[in-house]
Amino acid sequence: MMTIDATSSASAPNALGTAQLFGLVSQIGYLIALPAALLGFGGAYLDKTLSTSPLFILLGFALALLTSSFTIWRKIKPLLHA
């Protein structure tokens, strides 16, 4: 389990500043929201067009979950090893 010590992390050379941290959090928010919205609405459109409800909306959200997880992992992986 990884613990964070507030006294040592503030003086670490790779520590994120407050502005960088807020930027990272907002990027992660977009990495979750955009695929979910695009693939969810795309799945809903396909379900309505092909009368397959709820098949494609569920597949869209599953693909969004996988896509978001992978891109977030790639985004924070360098920070975990710093």
Protein backbone atom coordinates (compact mmCIF):
# COMPACT_ATOMS: atom_id res chain seq x y z
CA MET A 1 0.00 0.00 0.00
CA MET A 2 1.33 3.40 -0.94
CA THR A 3 1.31 6.15 1.69
CA ILE A 4 1.97 9.81 1.13
CA ASP A 5 3.92 11.79 3.68
CA ALA A 6 2.95 15.48 3.41
CA THR A 7 6.25 16.73 4.82
CA SER A 8 8.53 14.82 2.45
CA SER A 9 6.42 15.20 -0.70
CA ALA A 10 6.46 18.98 -0.53
CA SER A 11 10.23 19.07 -0.82
CA ALA A 12 10.53 16.30 -3.42
CA PRO A 13 11.94 17.47 -6.75
CA ASN A 14 9.14 15.82 -8.76
CA ALA A 15 6.28 17.00 -6.54
CA LEU A 16 3.36 18.51 -8.39
CA GLY A 17 2.43 22.10 -7.70
CA THR A 18 -1.15 23.06 -6.92
CA ALA A 19 -1.82 24.37 -10.43
CA GLN A 20 -0.34 21.23 -12.00
CA LEU A 21 -2.43 19.05 -9.72
CA PHE A 22 -5.65 20.88 -10.66
CA GLY A 23 -4.66 20.55 -14.32
CA LEU A 24 -4.16 16.81 -13.91
CA VAL A 25 -7.49 16.39 -12.14
CA SER A 26 -9.33 18.30 -14.87
CA GLN A 27 -7.62 16.21 -17.57
CA ILE A 28 -8.68 13.02 -15.80
CA GLY A 29 -12.24 14.37 -15.63
CA TYR A 30 -12.25 14.93 -19.37
CA LEU A 31 -10.71 11.50 -19.97
CA ILE A 32 -13.69 9.99 -18.17
CA ALA A 33 -16.49 12.26 -19.41
CA LEU A 34 -15.73 12.52 -23.13
CA PRO A 35 -15.56 8.80 -23.99
CA ALA A 36 -18.61 8.08 -21.82
CA ALA A 37 -20.64 10.82 -23.51
CA LEU A 38 -19.52 10.09 -27.07
CA LEU A 39 -19.76 6.32 -26.90
CA GLY A 40 -22.92 6.41 -24.78
CA PHE A 41 -24.75 8.71 -27.18
CA GLY A 42 -23.35 6.81 -30.15
CA GLY A 43 -24.64 3.56 -28.66
CA ALA A 44 -28.03 5.11 -27.99
CA TYR A 45 -28.22 6.30 -31.60
CA LEU A 46 -27.33 2.84 -32.91
CA ASP A 47 -29.87 1.22 -30.56
CA LYS A 48 -32.60 3.56 -31.76
CA THR A 49 -31.67 3.10 -35.43
CA LEU A 50 -31.30 -0.68 -35.30
CA SER A 51 -33.95 -1.34 -32.60
CA THR A 52 -31.47 -3.25 -30.46
CA SER A 53 -31.97 -1.46 -27.14
CA PRO A 54 -29.92 -1.62 -24.83
CA LEU A 55 -27.18 -3.56 -26.60
CA PHE A 56 -25.07 -0.80 -28.13
CA ILE A 57 -25.45 1.66 -25.28
CA LEU A 58 -24.08 -0.96 -22.88
CA LEU A 59 -21.27 -1.81 -25.30
CA GLY A 60 -20.53 1.90 -25.66
CA PHE A 61 -20.27 2.43 -21.92
CA ALA A 62 -18.12 -0.70 -21.53
CA LEU A 63 -15.77 0.52 -24.25
CA ALA A 64 -15.71 3.98 -22.63
CA LEU A 65 -14.77 2.40 -19.30
CA LEU A 66 -11.91 0.47 -20.89
CA THR A 67 -10.72 3.46 -22.91
CA SER A 68 -10.83 5.82 -19.93
CA SER A 69 -9.07 3.35 -17.64
CA PHE A 70 -6.27 2.78 -20.13
CA THR A 71 -5.70 6.46 -20.88
CA ILE A 72 -5.80 7.45 -17.20
CA TRP A 73 -3.31 4.70 -16.39
CA ARG A 74 -0.96 5.98 -19.10
CA LYS A 75 -1.39 9.53 -17.77
CA ILE A 76 -0.58 8.77 -14.12
CA LYS A 77 1.95 5.94 -14.59
CA PRO A 78 4.95 8.33 -14.87
CA LEU A 79 3.83 10.05 -11.65
CA LEU A 80 3.71 6.78 -9.73
CA HIS A 81 7.28 5.90 -10.68
CA ALA A 82 8.71 9.38 -10.03
